[in-house]
Amino acid sequence: MITPRTIGVLGGMGPAATVDLMQRVINAVGAGDDADHVPMLVDQNPQVPSRIKALIDQTGDDPAPVLIAMAQRLQTAGAKALVMPCNTAHHYADAIADSVDIPFLNMIHLAAKAAQKHGAVGVLGSPAIKQVSLYAKALPNALYPADQDALLQAIRMVKMDGPTDSARAILQAASDDLAAQGAAAQLIACTEFSLISDAVPSPCIDTLDVLVDAIIDFSFRSDRNDG
C-alpha cells in the first residue's frame, strides 16, 4: 500500500476557496479509512496582501514575500509538494517555486493544458488575470468577458457574502458573453467562481478540479523515491 505524500497548501485567498479545495480532495479519494486520505498542511493566511490592490490598483503591498514565507514554512513542516488555490496569486508562482526545494503544482499550467484541446476558450476570472496576461502564453487565443468590472464585483460579493444568487447572475451573464463570442469551452479561473460554478454550462473546466486531480496524482504516485 502506498503511503500518500503530504501536500502543502498556500491558502486563505480566499478562505472558503481553500476549504472547498480540501473538501474536493477528500471527495476525490476512494478512502476506506482515515489513513487512506491525502495528508495536507494548510497555511490559511487571509492576511496575504491583496492581489487586486497590488496588480490592478497598484497601491498595495507586494504579496510575494508573504507567499514565499508561507511556502518555506510548509516545506519545513514536511510538505512534499505545494499548491495554491488562487489563480491571480500565480502571478508570483515562479518566485514561490524558486524559494523551495519541493515541487510547486502550478494550477495555471495544469488548467491551460486541460483547456488547450477545446479550441477557443473563454476565461472567467479576476480582471488581473487578463491585465497581467496570466494565461496568454498557453492560451493565446483566449476570450474574455467584456465587462471585467462586473467580474471583480462578483468576486468581492463571494468573498463578503459567500455563493449568492446575485454573484451567480453576474457570472452567468459573463458566461453568456463568452458563448456569444464563440467560446467552445469556458475556464473557471477564479476559485471564488469555483464556489458558484453551477452558473457556467458545460463544457466547463474548473481550475480547482484540475488542481485536485494533480494533488491526487502526486500524492499517490508510485514512481517516487522519497519513501
Protein backbone atom coordinates (compact mmCIF):
# COMPACT_ATOMS: atom_id res chain seq x y z
CA MET A 1 0.00 0.00 0.00
CA ILE A 2 1.28 3.45 -0.95
CA THR A 3 1.51 5.96 1.88
CA PRO A 4 0.17 9.20 0.40
CA ARG A 5 2.60 12.11 0.29
CA THR A 6 1.83 15.30 2.17
CA ILE A 7 0.63 18.35 0.22
CA GLY A 8 1.26 21.88 1.46
CA VAL A 9 -1.48 24.41 0.67
CA LEU A 10 -0.85 28.14 0.41
CA GLY A 11 -4.36 29.15 1.41
CA GLY A 12 -6.55 31.99 2.57
CA MET A 13 -7.06 33.58 -0.87
CA GLY A 14 -9.94 33.32 -0.12
CA PRO A 15 -10.56 31.15 2.92
CA ALA A 16 -13.72 29.49 1.58
CA ALA A 17 -11.96 28.50 -1.65
CA THR A 18 -9.21 26.85 0.39
CA VAL A 19 -11.74 24.84 2.38
CA ASP A 20 -13.51 23.94 -0.88
CA LEU A 21 -10.24 22.59 -2.29
CA MET A 22 -9.74 20.42 0.80
CA GLN A 23 -13.30 19.08 0.59
CA ARG A 24 -12.89 18.26 -3.10
CA VAL A 25 -9.68 16.37 -2.37
CA ILE A 26 -11.47 14.39 0.35
CA ASN A 27 -14.35 13.61 -2.01
CA ALA A 28 -11.97 12.51 -4.78
CA VAL A 29 -10.21 9.85 -2.72
CA GLY A 30 -11.76 6.41 -2.62
CA ALA A 31 -11.00 6.00 1.07
CA GLY A 32 -11.83 3.05 3.27
CA ASP A 33 -10.41 4.66 6.38
CA ASP A 34 -8.85 7.90 7.62
CA ALA A 35 -5.33 6.77 6.67
CA ASP A 36 -6.32 6.49 3.00
CA HIS A 37 -6.73 10.26 2.61
CA VAL A 38 -4.20 12.81 1.38
CA PRO A 39 -2.27 14.45 4.25
CA MET A 40 -2.47 18.24 3.87
CA LEU A 41 -0.63 21.00 5.67
CA VAL A 42 -2.62 24.19 5.20
CA ASP A 43 -1.38 27.73 5.78
CA GLN A 44 -4.74 29.51 5.85
CA ASN A 45 -3.47 33.07 5.66
CA PRO A 46 -6.14 35.67 4.83
CA GLN A 47 -3.54 38.37 5.53
CA VAL A 48 -1.69 37.79 2.26
CA PRO A 49 -1.61 41.28 0.71
CA SER A 50 -4.41 41.88 -1.77
CA ARG A 51 -3.55 40.74 -5.26
CA ILE A 52 -6.16 43.15 -6.62
CA LYS A 53 -4.57 46.14 -4.88
CA ALA A 54 -1.09 45.10 -5.96
CA LEU A 55 -1.83 44.21 -9.60
CA ILE A 56 -4.86 46.29 -10.61
CA ASP A 57 -4.84 49.30 -8.31
CA GLN A 58 -1.04 49.23 -7.94
CA THR A 59 -1.40 50.67 -4.46
CA GLY A 60 -0.96 47.58 -2.30
CA ASP A 61 1.98 45.71 -0.80
CA ASP A 62 3.77 43.03 -2.77
CA PRO A 63 2.29 39.60 -1.90
CA ALA A 64 5.43 37.73 -3.00
CA PRO A 65 7.42 37.90 0.29
CA VAL A 66 4.45 36.64 2.29
CA LEU A 67 3.78 33.82 -0.18
CA ILE A 68 7.45 32.82 -0.17
CA ALA A 69 7.47 32.69 3.63
CA MET A 70 4.36 30.51 3.59
CA ALA A 71 5.93 28.14 1.06
CA GLN A 72 9.09 27.80 3.10
CA ARG A 73 7.14 27.15 6.30
CA LEU A 74 5.17 24.40 4.59
CA GLN A 75 8.33 22.77 3.27
CA THR A 76 9.92 22.89 6.71
CA ALA A 77 6.78 21.36 8.21
CA GLY A 78 7.07 18.35 5.90
CA ALA A 79 5.16 19.09 2.70
CA LYS A 80 6.39 17.12 -0.32
CA ALA A 81 4.72 19.44 -2.85
CA LEU A 82 2.94 22.78 -2.78
CA VAL A 83 -0.33 24.02 -4.25
CA MET A 84 -2.10 27.38 -4.19
CA PRO A 85 -5.87 27.58 -4.80
CA CYS A 86 -5.83 31.13 -6.18
CA ASN A 87 -5.43 31.88 -9.88
CA THR A 88 -4.34 35.51 -9.57
CA ALA A 89 -1.67 34.72 -6.97
CA HIS A 90 0.01 32.52 -9.60
CA HIS A 91 1.47 35.75 -10.94
CA TYR A 92 4.03 35.05 -8.20
CA ALA A 93 4.36 31.32 -8.95
CA ASP A 94 7.95 31.48 -10.18
CA ALA A 95 9.10 33.31 -7.05
CA ILE A 96 7.35 30.71 -4.88
CA ALA A 97 8.77 27.75 -6.80
CA ASP A 98 12.29 29.20 -6.72
CA SER A 99 12.15 29.62 -2.94
CA VAL A 100 11.72 25.92 -2.10
CA ASP A 101 13.22 22.54 -2.96
CA ILE A 102 9.94 20.71 -3.48
CA PRO A 103 7.59 20.78 -6.50
CA PHE A 104 5.03 23.53 -6.93
CA LEU A 105 1.98 22.13 -8.74
CA ASN A 106 1.17 25.11 -10.94
CA MET A 107 -2.60 25.38 -11.34
CA ILE A 108 -2.30 27.77 -14.30
CA HIS A 109 -0.09 25.44 -16.32
CA LEU A 110 -2.26 22.44 -15.49
CA ALA A 111 -5.54 24.20 -16.32
CA ALA A 112 -4.21 25.67 -19.56
CA LYS A 113 -3.07 22.23 -20.68
CA ALA A 114 -6.52 20.82 -19.96
CA ALA A 115 -8.18 23.69 -21.85
CA GLN A 116 -5.98 23.66 -24.96
CA LYS A 117 -7.78 20.71 -26.55
CA HIS A 118 -11.06 22.64 -26.67
CA GLY A 119 -10.02 25.30 -29.19
CA ALA A 120 -11.41 28.73 -28.36
CA VAL A 121 -11.53 29.01 -24.57
CA GLY A 122 -13.32 31.68 -22.57
CA VAL A 123 -11.71 32.74 -19.30
CA LEU A 124 -13.81 33.62 -16.26
CA GLY A 125 -11.61 35.18 -13.61
CA SER A 126 -10.34 38.32 -11.97
CA PRO A 127 -9.57 41.27 -14.27
CA ALA A 128 -6.00 40.93 -13.01
CA ILE A 129 -5.66 37.67 -14.95
CA LYS A 130 -6.20 39.47 -18.23
CA GLN A 131 -4.19 42.51 -17.15
CA VAL A 132 -1.04 40.53 -16.29
CA SER A 133 -1.56 38.04 -19.18
CA LEU A 134 -1.55 35.06 -16.83
CA TYR A 135 -2.96 32.66 -19.43
CA ALA A 136 -1.69 34.48 -22.51
CA LYS A 137 1.28 32.23 -23.30
CA ALA A 138 -0.57 28.92 -23.00
CA LEU A 139 -3.91 30.20 -24.34
CA PRO A 140 -3.01 32.99 -26.81
CA ASN A 141 -6.48 32.97 -28.37
CA ALA A 142 -8.41 33.06 -25.09
CA LEU A 143 -11.61 35.06 -24.94
CA TYR A 144 -12.60 37.32 -22.03
CA PRO A 145 -15.97 38.80 -20.99
CA ALA A 146 -16.34 42.43 -21.95
CA ASP A 147 -17.49 43.56 -18.51
CA GLN A 148 -14.41 42.87 -16.39
CA ASP A 149 -15.59 45.25 -13.67
CA ALA A 150 -18.67 43.07 -13.12
CA LEU A 151 -16.46 40.02 -12.62
CA LEU A 152 -14.49 41.84 -9.94
CA GLN A 153 -17.75 42.84 -8.29
CA ALA A 154 -18.88 39.19 -8.24
CA ILE A 155 -15.58 38.07 -6.70
CA ARG A 156 -15.94 40.64 -3.94
CA MET A 157 -19.53 39.55 -3.35
CA VAL A 158 -18.47 35.92 -2.89
CA LYS A 159 -15.64 36.92 -0.55
CA MET A 160 -18.05 39.02 1.50
CA ASP A 161 -21.31 37.05 1.46
CA GLY A 162 -20.50 33.62 0.06
CA PRO A 163 -22.04 31.98 -3.03
CA THR A 164 -25.06 34.25 -3.51
CA ASP A 165 -27.62 34.28 -6.32
CA SER A 166 -26.51 37.81 -7.21
CA ALA A 167 -22.94 36.66 -7.77
CA ARG A 168 -24.20 33.69 -9.80
CA ALA A 169 -26.22 36.04 -12.02
CA ILE A 170 -23.12 38.12 -12.80
CA LEU A 171 -21.09 35.01 -13.60
CA GLN A 172 -23.86 33.63 -15.78
CA ALA A 173 -24.03 36.90 -17.72
CA ALA A 174 -20.27 36.76 -18.27
CA SER A 175 -20.58 33.13 -19.38
CA ASP A 176 -23.30 34.09 -21.86
CA ASP A 177 -20.99 36.79 -23.23
CA LEU A 178 -18.25 34.21 -23.83
CA ALA A 179 -20.69 31.86 -25.55
CA ALA A 180 -21.78 34.70 -27.84
CA GLN A 181 -18.12 35.36 -28.67
CA GLY A 182 -17.75 31.74 -29.80
CA ALA A 183 -16.05 30.08 -26.83
CA ALA A 184 -16.05 26.31 -27.27
CA ALA A 185 -15.33 25.83 -23.57
CA GLN A 186 -15.11 28.04 -20.52
CA LEU A 187 -12.37 28.07 -17.91
CA ILE A 188 -13.34 28.94 -14.34
CA ALA A 189 -10.14 30.79 -13.49
CA CYS A 190 -11.04 32.16 -10.08
CA THR A 191 -11.51 29.92 -7.07
CA GLU A 192 -14.30 32.19 -5.80
CA PHE A 193 -16.11 31.34 -9.02
CA SER A 194 -15.46 27.66 -8.30
CA LEU A 195 -17.92 28.13 -5.43
CA ILE A 196 -20.64 29.16 -7.92
CA SER A 197 -19.58 27.03 -10.89
CA ASP A 198 -23.16 25.84 -11.36
CA ALA A 199 -23.75 29.17 -13.16
CA VAL A 200 -21.49 28.06 -16.03
CA PRO A 201 -22.71 25.49 -18.60
CA SER A 202 -20.67 22.60 -19.97
CA PRO A 203 -18.12 22.22 -21.37
CA CYS A 204 -16.54 23.90 -18.38
CA ILE A 205 -13.06 23.43 -16.91
CA ASP A 206 -12.78 24.35 -13.25
CA THR A 207 -9.19 25.16 -12.29
CA LEU A 208 -9.87 23.89 -8.77
CA ASP A 209 -10.88 20.46 -10.10
CA VAL A 210 -7.74 20.37 -12.24
CA LEU A 211 -5.67 21.09 -9.14
CA VAL A 212 -7.46 18.35 -7.19
CA ASP A 213 -6.54 15.83 -9.90
CA ALA A 214 -2.89 16.93 -9.71
CA ILE A 215 -2.87 16.62 -5.92
CA ILE A 216 -4.27 13.09 -6.05
CA ASP A 217 -1.82 12.08 -8.77
CA PHE A 218 1.21 13.46 -6.93
CA SER A 219 0.22 12.19 -3.50
CA PHE A 220 -0.40 8.62 -4.62
CA ARG A 221 2.15 8.36 -7.44
CA SER A 222 4.16 5.14 -7.26
CA ASP A 223 7.24 6.34 -9.21
CA ARG A 224 8.87 8.19 -6.35
CA ASN A 225 11.99 7.91 -4.23
CA ASP A 226 11.07 9.86 -1.10
CA GLY A 227 9.64 6.93 0.83
